[in-house]
Amino acid sequence: MRTNNGKVKNIIISVYFVLVLLAIVLITVFSAFREVSKNPTMLLLTMLLGFIIVSFIVHRISKYFEYDSDGVKVVLINKGLLLSEYFNYREHIVEFDKPKLVSFKFNNYIIFKELVLYIKDRKDKVHKHSFNVTLVQRKKRKYIKQSLRKMIKENRKKENE
Protein backbone atom coordinates (compact mmCIF):
# COMPACT_ATOMS: atom_id res chain seq x y z
CA MET A 1 0.00 0.00 0.00
CA ARG A 2 1.25 3.46 -0.88
CA THR A 3 -0.04 6.72 0.52
CA ASN A 4 1.11 10.27 1.23
CA ASN A 5 -0.18 13.71 2.16
CA GLY A 6 1.19 15.65 -0.82
CA LYS A 7 -2.08 17.51 -1.44
CA VAL A 8 -1.77 19.37 1.85
CA LYS A 9 1.20 21.44 0.64
CA ASN A 10 -1.00 24.19 -0.83
CA ILE A 11 -2.89 24.52 2.43
CA ILE A 12 0.33 24.95 4.41
CA ILE A 13 1.60 27.57 1.97
CA SER A 14 -1.71 29.41 2.48
CA VAL A 15 -1.31 29.19 6.27
CA TYR A 16 2.20 30.67 6.04
CA PHE A 17 0.80 33.46 3.84
CA VAL A 18 -1.88 34.17 6.45
CA LEU A 19 0.81 34.26 9.15
CA VAL A 20 2.76 36.87 7.17
CA LEU A 21 -0.41 38.92 6.76
CA LEU A 22 -1.07 38.55 10.48
CA ALA A 23 2.42 39.89 11.21
CA ILE A 24 1.74 42.93 9.02
CA VAL A 25 -1.59 43.51 10.76
CA LEU A 26 0.08 43.19 14.16
CA ILE A 27 2.65 45.81 13.21
CA THR A 28 -0.12 48.12 12.03
CA VAL A 29 -2.18 47.54 15.17
CA PHE A 30 0.87 48.15 17.34
CA SER A 31 1.56 51.48 15.65
CA ALA A 32 -2.10 52.48 16.19
CA PHE A 33 -2.09 51.46 19.87
CA ARG A 34 1.22 53.16 20.59
CA GLU A 35 -0.54 56.42 21.32
CA VAL A 36 -3.52 54.89 23.18
CA SER A 37 -1.90 52.27 25.39
CA LYS A 38 0.01 53.09 28.56
CA ASN A 39 2.55 50.35 27.96
CA PRO A 40 2.97 49.75 24.21
CA THR A 41 6.15 47.71 24.70
CA MET A 42 4.27 45.10 26.73
CA LEU A 43 1.55 44.98 24.06
CA LEU A 44 4.16 44.43 21.35
CA LEU A 45 5.88 41.68 23.33
CA THR A 46 2.55 39.92 23.95
CA MET A 47 1.59 40.06 20.26
CA LEU A 48 5.10 38.99 19.22
CA LEU A 49 5.06 36.05 21.64
CA GLY A 50 1.66 34.92 20.34
CA PHE A 51 2.86 35.18 16.75
CA ILE A 52 6.01 33.19 17.52
CA ILE A 53 4.01 30.44 19.27
CA VAL A 54 1.56 30.11 16.36
CA SER A 55 4.44 30.11 13.83
CA PHE A 56 6.28 27.43 15.80
CA ILE A 57 3.17 25.22 15.99
CA VAL A 58 2.55 25.52 12.23
CA HIS A 59 6.21 24.78 11.48
CA ARG A 60 6.19 21.78 13.81
CA ILE A 61 3.10 20.09 12.36
CA SER A 62 3.68 20.87 8.68
CA LYS A 63 5.49 17.80 7.43
CA TYR A 64 5.17 15.65 4.35
CA PHE A 65 4.57 11.95 5.08
CA GLU A 66 4.86 9.01 2.72
CA TYR A 67 4.17 5.35 3.45
CA ASP A 68 5.02 2.50 1.06
CA SER A 69 4.54 -1.13 2.05
CA ASP A 70 4.54 -2.63 -1.44
CA GLY A 71 7.13 -5.34 -1.84
CA VAL A 72 9.48 -6.87 0.72
CA LYS A 73 10.45 -3.61 2.43
CA VAL A 74 8.46 -0.86 4.11
CA VAL A 75 9.54 2.74 3.49
CA LEU A 76 8.43 5.69 5.60
CA ILE A 77 9.46 9.25 4.78
CA ASN A 78 8.91 12.40 6.82
CA LYS A 79 10.25 15.73 5.59
CA GLY A 80 9.45 19.41 5.69
CA LEU A 81 6.86 20.73 3.26
CA LEU A 82 8.42 24.06 2.35
CA LEU A 83 11.72 24.17 0.48
CA SER A 84 12.01 20.36 0.66
CA GLU A 85 12.82 20.19 -3.06
CA TYR A 86 15.90 22.33 -2.48
CA PHE A 87 17.08 21.36 1.00
CA ASN A 88 16.94 18.10 2.94
CA TYR A 89 15.95 19.74 6.17
CA ARG A 90 13.86 17.87 8.72
CA GLU A 91 14.05 14.68 6.67
CA HIS A 92 13.61 11.30 8.34
CA ILE A 93 13.59 8.12 6.24
CA VAL A 94 13.23 4.58 7.57
CA GLU A 95 13.38 1.50 5.38
CA PHE A 96 13.02 -1.96 6.90
CA ASP A 97 12.02 -5.52 6.07
CA LYS A 98 8.48 -6.42 7.07
CA PRO A 99 9.55 -9.20 9.49
CA LYS A 100 11.58 -6.64 11.49
CA LEU A 101 8.49 -4.74 12.66
CA VAL A 102 7.84 -5.46 16.34
CA SER A 103 4.98 -3.07 17.12
CA PHE A 104 3.56 0.37 16.45
CA LYS A 105 1.28 2.95 18.01
CA PHE A 106 -0.42 6.15 17.04
CA ASN A 107 -0.13 8.97 19.57
CA ASN A 108 -2.89 11.55 19.32
CA TYR A 109 -1.96 14.75 21.11
CA ILE A 110 -4.10 17.90 21.00
CA ILE A 111 -2.60 19.41 17.83
CA PHE A 112 -0.04 16.77 16.91
CA LYS A 113 -0.40 13.17 15.74
CA GLU A 114 2.51 10.79 15.72
CA LEU A 115 3.21 7.30 14.43
CA VAL A 116 5.76 5.39 16.51
CA LEU A 117 7.32 2.22 15.11
CA TYR A 118 9.41 -0.31 17.02
CA ILE A 119 11.78 -2.08 14.65
CA LYS A 120 14.43 -4.77 15.23
CA ASP A 121 17.91 -4.28 13.84
CA ARG A 122 20.34 -7.03 12.78
CA LYS A 123 21.29 -7.75 16.39
CA ASP A 124 17.62 -8.05 17.44
CA LYS A 125 17.81 -4.77 19.34
CA VAL A 126 14.55 -2.81 19.10
CA HIS A 127 14.71 0.83 17.94
CA LYS A 128 11.97 3.43 18.18
CA HIS A 129 11.20 5.65 15.17
CA SER A 130 8.68 8.51 15.30
CA PHE A 131 6.87 10.07 12.36
CA ASN A 132 4.67 13.16 12.21
CA VAL A 133 1.29 12.17 10.72
CA THR A 134 -0.65 15.27 11.77
CA LEU A 135 -1.58 16.29 8.24
CA VAL A 136 -2.40 12.76 7.03
CA GLN A 137 -6.13 12.23 6.57
CA ARG A 138 -7.93 10.03 9.11
CA LYS A 139 -8.90 7.56 6.38
CA LYS A 140 -5.28 7.14 5.28
CA ARG A 141 -4.11 6.72 8.90
CA LYS A 142 -6.70 3.96 9.23
CA TYR A 143 -5.29 2.19 6.15
CA ILE A 144 -1.74 2.52 7.48
CA LYS A 145 -2.87 1.06 10.81
CA GLN A 146 -4.51 -1.90 9.01
CA SER A 147 -1.36 -2.51 6.97
CA LEU A 148 0.89 -2.44 10.04
CA ARG A 149 -1.46 -4.72 12.01
CA LYS A 150 -1.40 -7.21 9.17
CA MET A 151 2.43 -7.18 9.16
CA ILE A 152 2.62 -7.75 12.92
CA LYS A 153 0.06 -10.56 12.71
CA GLU A 154 2.12 -12.30 9.98
CA ASN A 155 5.33 -11.78 11.98
CA ARG A 156 3.81 -13.38 15.09
CA LYS A 157 2.47 -16.27 13.03
CA LYS A 158 5.96 -16.93 11.59
CA GLU A 159 7.55 -16.76 15.07
CA ASN A 160 5.11 -19.35 16.45
CA GLU A 161 5.84 -21.83 13.64
C-alpha atoms as a PDB file:
ATOM      1  CA  MET A   1       0.000   0.000   0.000  1.00  0.00           C
ATOM      2  CA  ARG A   2       1.247   3.462  -0.883  1.00  0.00           C
ATOM      3  CA  THR A   3      -0.041   6.716   0.520  1.00  0.00           C
ATOM      4  CA  ASN A   4       1.113  10.270   1.226  1.00  0.00           C
ATOM      5  CA  ASN A   5      -0.179  13.708   2.160  1.00  0.00           C
ATOM      6  CA  GLY A   6       1.188  15.651  -0.819  1.00  0.00           C
ATOM      7  CA  LYS A   7      -2.079  17.512  -1.443  1.00  0.00           C
ATOM      8  CA  VAL A   8      -1.772  19.373   1.849  1.00  0.00           C
ATOM      9  CA  LYS A   9       1.195  21.444   0.641  1.00  0.00           C
ATOM     10  CA  ASN A  10      -0.999  24.194  -0.833  1.00  0.00           C
ATOM     11  CA  ILE A  11      -2.885  24.516   2.428  1.00  0.00           C
ATOM     12  CA  ILE A  12       0.329  24.952   4.410  1.00  0.00           C
ATOM     13  CA  ILE A  13       1.595  27.571   1.973  1.00  0.00           C
ATOM     14  CA  SER A  14      -1.707  29.414   2.484  1.00  0.00           C
ATOM     15  CA  VAL A  15      -1.309  29.185   6.268  1.00  0.00           C
ATOM     16  CA  TYR A  16       2.200  30.668   6.038  1.00  0.00           C
ATOM     17  CA  PHE A  17       0.802  33.463   3.843  1.00  0.00           C
ATOM     18  CA  VAL A  18      -1.879  34.174   6.448  1.00  0.00           C
ATOM     19  CA  LEU A  19       0.811  34.262   9.145  1.00  0.00           C
ATOM     20  CA  VAL A  20       2.760  36.866   7.169  1.00  0.00           C
ATOM     21  CA  LEU A  21      -0.414  38.917   6.757  1.00  0.00           C
ATOM     22  CA  LEU A  22      -1.066  38.554  10.477  1.00  0.00           C
ATOM     23  CA  ALA A  23       2.418  39.889  11.212  1.00  0.00           C
ATOM     24  CA  ILE A  24       1.744  42.929   9.018  1.00  0.00           C
ATOM     25  CA  VAL A  25      -1.589  43.506  10.763  1.00  0.00           C
ATOM     26  CA  LEU A  26       0.078  43.187  14.165  1.00  0.00           C
ATOM     27  CA  ILE A  27       2.646  45.812  13.211  1.00  0.00           C
ATOM     28  CA  THR A  28      -0.117  48.122  12.028  1.00  0.00           C
ATOM     29  CA  VAL A  29      -2.183  47.536  15.172  1.00  0.00           C
ATOM     30  CA  PHE A  30       0.873  48.153  17.338  1.00  0.00           C
ATOM     31  CA  SER A  31       1.561  51.475  15.654  1.00  0.00           C
ATOM     32  CA  ALA A  32      -2.096  52.476  16.192  1.00  0.00           C
ATOM     33  CA  PHE A  33      -2.089  51.457  19.870  1.00  0.00           C
ATOM     34  CA  ARG A  34       1.224  53.162  20.588  1.00  0.00           C
ATOM     35  CA  GLU A  35      -0.536  56.420  21.319  1.00  0.00           C
ATOM     36  CA  VAL A  36      -3.521  54.890  23.178  1.00  0.00           C
ATOM     37  CA  SER A  37      -1.899  52.271  25.392  1.00  0.00           C
ATOM     38  CA  LYS A  38       0.006  53.095  28.561  1.00  0.00           C
ATOM     39  CA  ASN A  39       2.546  50.348  27.959  1.00  0.00           C
ATOM     40  CA  PRO A  40       2.972  49.751  24.207  1.00  0.00           C
ATOM     41  CA  THR A  41       6.149  47.709  24.696  1.00  0.00           C
ATOM     42  CA  MET A  42       4.272  45.100  26.729  1.00  0.00           C
ATOM     43  CA  LEU A  43       1.548  44.978  24.065  1.00  0.00           C
ATOM     44  CA  LEU A  44       4.159  44.431  21.352  1.00  0.00           C
ATOM     45  CA  LEU A  45       5.879  41.681  23.327  1.00  0.00           C
ATOM     46  CA  THR A  46       2.550  39.923  23.947  1.00  0.00           C
ATOM     47  CA  MET A  47       1.588  40.058  20.264  1.00  0.00           C
ATOM     48  CA  LEU A  48       5.099  38.986  19.218  1.00  0.00           C
ATOM     49  CA  LEU A  49       5.064  36.052  21.640  1.00  0.00           C
ATOM     50  CA  GLY A  50       1.656  34.920  20.341  1.00  0.00           C
ATOM     51  CA  PHE A  51       2.859  35.183  16.747  1.00  0.00           C
ATOM     52  CA  ILE A  52       6.009  33.191  17.524  1.00  0.00           C
ATOM     53  CA  ILE A  53       4.009  30.444  19.265  1.00  0.00           C
ATOM     54  CA  VAL A  54       1.561  30.111  16.358  1.00  0.00           C
ATOM     55  CA  SER A  55       4.436  30.107  13.834  1.00  0.00           C
ATOM     56  CA  PHE A  56       6.283  27.426  15.798  1.00  0.00           C
ATOM     57  CA  ILE A  57       3.174  25.219  15.987  1.00  0.00           C
ATOM     58  CA  VAL A  58       2.552  25.521  12.234  1.00  0.00           C
ATOM     59  CA  HIS A  59       6.212  24.784  11.484  1.00  0.00           C
ATOM     60  CA  ARG A  60       6.190  21.782  13.813  1.00  0.00           C
ATOM     61  CA  ILE A  61       3.099  20.091  12.361  1.00  0.00           C
ATOM     62  CA  SER A  62       3.681  20.870   8.678  1.00  0.00           C
ATOM     63  CA  LYS A  63       5.485  17.795   7.426  1.00  0.00           C
ATOM     64  CA  TYR A  64       5.171  15.646   4.347  1.00  0.00           C
ATOM     65  CA  PHE A  65       4.567  11.954   5.079  1.00  0.00           C
ATOM     66  CA  GLU A  66       4.859   9.011   2.724  1.00  0.00           C
ATOM     67  CA  TYR A  67       4.172   5.346   3.454  1.00  0.00           C
ATOM     68  CA  ASP A  68       5.022   2.503   1.064  1.00  0.00           C
ATOM     69  CA  SER A  69       4.544  -1.129   2.054  1.00  0.00           C
ATOM     70  CA  ASP A  70       4.537  -2.627  -1.436  1.00  0.00           C
ATOM     71  CA  GLY A  71       7.128  -5.339  -1.844  1.00  0.00           C
ATOM     72  CA  VAL A  72       9.482  -6.867   0.716  1.00  0.00           C
ATOM     73  CA  LYS A  73      10.453  -3.609   2.425  1.00  0.00           C
ATOM     74  CA  VAL A  74       8.460  -0.859   4.114  1.00  0.00           C
ATOM     75  CA  VAL A  75       9.538   2.739   3.487  1.00  0.00           C
ATOM     76  CA  LEU A  76       8.428   5.692   5.597  1.00  0.00           C
ATOM     77  CA  ILE A  77       9.463   9.252   4.782  1.00  0.00           C
ATOM     78  CA  ASN A  78       8.907  12.396   6.815  1.00  0.00           C
ATOM     79  CA  LYS A  79      10.248  15.734   5.589  1.00  0.00           C
ATOM     80  CA  GLY A  80       9.448  19.411   5.689  1.00  0.00           C
ATOM     81  CA  LEU A  81       6.865  20.732   3.264  1.00  0.00           C
ATOM     82  CA  LEU A  82       8.415  24.059   2.346  1.00  0.00           C
ATOM     83  CA  LEU A  83      11.725  24.168   0.484  1.00  0.00           C
ATOM     84  CA  SER A  84      12.013  20.358   0.658  1.00  0.00           C
ATOM     85  CA  GLU A  85      12.817  20.186  -3.058  1.00  0.00           C
ATOM     86  CA  TYR A  86      15.902  22.335  -2.485  1.00  0.00           C
ATOM     87  CA  PHE A  87      17.081  21.358   1.000  1.00  0.00           C
ATOM     88  CA  ASN A  88      16.941  18.098   2.936  1.00  0.00           C
ATOM     89  CA  TYR A  89      15.952  19.744   6.166  1.00  0.00           C
ATOM     90  CA  ARG A  90      13.857  17.869   8.718  1.00  0.00           C
ATOM     91  CA  GLU A  91      14.052  14.677   6.665  1.00  0.00           C
ATOM     92  CA  HIS A  92      13.609  11.298   8.344  1.00  0.00           C
ATOM     93  CA  ILE A  93      13.592   8.116   6.237  1.00  0.00           C
ATOM     94  CA  VAL A  94      13.225   4.583   7.573  1.00  0.00           C
ATOM     95  CA  GLU A  95      13.376   1.500   5.384  1.00  0.00           C
ATOM     96  CA  PHE A  96      13.021  -1.958   6.899  1.00  0.00           C
ATOM     97  CA  ASP A  97      12.024  -5.520   6.066  1.00  0.00           C
ATOM     98  CA  LYS A  98       8.479  -6.424   7.068  1.00  0.00           C
ATOM     99  CA  PRO A  99       9.550  -9.203   9.494  1.00  0.00           C
ATOM    100  CA  LYS A 100      11.585  -6.642  11.488  1.00  0.00           C
ATOM    101  CA  LEU A 101       8.487  -4.745  12.662  1.00  0.00           C
ATOM    102  CA  VAL A 102       7.841  -5.456  16.345  1.00  0.00           C
ATOM    103  CA  SER A 103       4.976  -3.073  17.116  1.00  0.00           C
ATOM    104  CA  PHE A 104       3.562   0.375  16.451  1.00  0.00           C
ATOM    105  CA  LYS A 105       1.280   2.947  18.006  1.00  0.00           C
ATOM    106  CA  PHE A 106      -0.423   6.153  17.043  1.00  0.00           C
ATOM    107  CA  ASN A 107      -0.134   8.970  19.571  1.00  0.00           C
ATOM    108  CA  ASN A 108      -2.886  11.551  19.317  1.00  0.00           C
ATOM    109  CA  TYR A 109      -1.962  14.753  21.108  1.00  0.00           C
ATOM    110  CA  ILE A 110      -4.097  17.901  20.998  1.00  0.00           C
ATOM    111  CA  ILE A 111      -2.603  19.413  17.829  1.00  0.00           C
ATOM    112  CA  PHE A 112      -0.040  16.770  16.913  1.00  0.00           C
ATOM    113  CA  LYS A 113      -0.401  13.170  15.735  1.00  0.00           C
ATOM    114  CA  GLU A 114       2.510  10.788  15.719  1.00  0.00           C
ATOM    115  CA  LEU A 115       3.205   7.296  14.433  1.00  0.00           C
ATOM    116  CA  VAL A 116       5.757   5.388  16.514  1.00  0.00           C
ATOM    117  CA  LEU A 117       7.323   2.219  15.108  1.00  0.00           C
ATOM    118  CA  TYR A 118       9.407  -0.306  17.019  1.00  0.00           C
ATOM    119  CA  ILE A 119      11.781  -2.083  14.646  1.00  0.00           C
ATOM    120  CA  LYS A 120      14.426  -4.765  15.230  1.00  0.00           C
ATOM    121  CA  ASP A 121      17.915  -4.283  13.840  1.00  0.00           C
ATOM    122  CA  ARG A 122      20.342  -7.032  12.777  1.00  0.00           C
ATOM    123  CA  LYS A 123      21.294  -7.751  16.389  1.00  0.00           C
ATOM    124  CA  ASP A 124      17.616  -8.051  17.442  1.00  0.00           C
ATOM    125  CA  LYS A 125      17.806  -4.773  19.338  1.00  0.00           C
ATOM    126  CA  VAL A 126      14.552  -2.806  19.103  1.00  0.00           C
ATOM    127  CA  HIS A 127      14.706   0.834  17.937  1.00  0.00           C
ATOM    128  CA  LYS A 128      11.975   3.431  18.184  1.00  0.00           C
ATOM    129  CA  HIS A 129      11.200   5.648  15.166  1.00  0.00           C
ATOM    130  CA  SER A 130       8.684   8.507  15.302  1.00  0.00           C
ATOM    131  CA  PHE A 131       6.868  10.075  12.362  1.00  0.00           C
ATOM    132  CA  ASN A 132       4.673  13.156  12.211  1.00  0.00           C
ATOM    133  CA  VAL A 133       1.294  12.173  10.716  1.00  0.00           C
ATOM    134  CA  THR A 134      -0.649  15.265  11.770  1.00  0.00           C
ATOM    135  CA  LEU A 135      -1.583  16.289   8.243  1.00  0.00           C
ATOM    136  CA  VAL A 136      -2.402  12.762   7.032  1.00  0.00           C
ATOM    137  CA  GLN A 137      -6.126  12.229   6.570  1.00  0.00           C
ATOM    138  CA  ARG A 138      -7.929  10.032   9.110  1.00  0.00           C
ATOM    139  CA  LYS A 139      -8.899   7.558   6.377  1.00  0.00           C
ATOM    140  CA  LYS A 140      -5.279   7.143   5.281  1.00  0.00           C
ATOM    141  CA  ARG A 141      -4.105   6.724   8.899  1.00  0.00           C
ATOM    142  CA  LYS A 142      -6.697   3.963   9.230  1.00  0.00           C
ATOM    143  CA  TYR A 143      -5.293   2.186   6.148  1.00  0.00           C
ATOM    144  CA  ILE A 144      -1.739   2.525   7.484  1.00  0.00           C
ATOM    145  CA  LYS A 145      -2.874   1.058  10.807  1.00  0.00           C
ATOM    146  CA  GLN A 146      -4.506  -1.898   9.013  1.00  0.00           C
ATOM    147  CA  SER A 147      -1.364  -2.513   6.969  1.00  0.00           C
ATOM    148  CA  LEU A 148       0.891  -2.439  10.041  1.00  0.00           C
ATOM    149  CA  ARG A 149      -1.458  -4.722  12.012  1.00  0.00           C
ATOM    150  CA  LYS A 150      -1.395  -7.214   9.171  1.00  0.00           C
ATOM    151  CA  MET A 151       2.435  -7.182   9.160  1.00  0.00           C
ATOM    152  CA  ILE A 152       2.617  -7.748  12.918  1.00  0.00           C
ATOM    153  CA  LYS A 153       0.060 -10.559  12.707  1.00  0.00           C
ATOM    154  CA  GLU A 154       2.119 -12.296   9.982  1.00  0.00           C
ATOM    155  CA  ASN A 155       5.330 -11.783  11.981  1.00  0.00           C
ATOM    156  CA  ARG A 156       3.812 -13.382  15.094  1.00  0.00           C
ATOM    157  CA  LYS A 157       2.467 -16.269  13.025  1.00  0.00           C
ATOM    158  CA  LYS A 158       5.964 -16.927  11.594  1.00  0.00           C
ATOM    159  CA  GLU A 159       7.548 -16.761  15.069  1.00  0.00           C
ATOM    160  CA  ASN A 160       5.107 -19.349  16.448  1.00  0.00           C
ATOM    161  CA  GLU A 161       5.838 -21.825  13.644  1.00  0.00           C
END
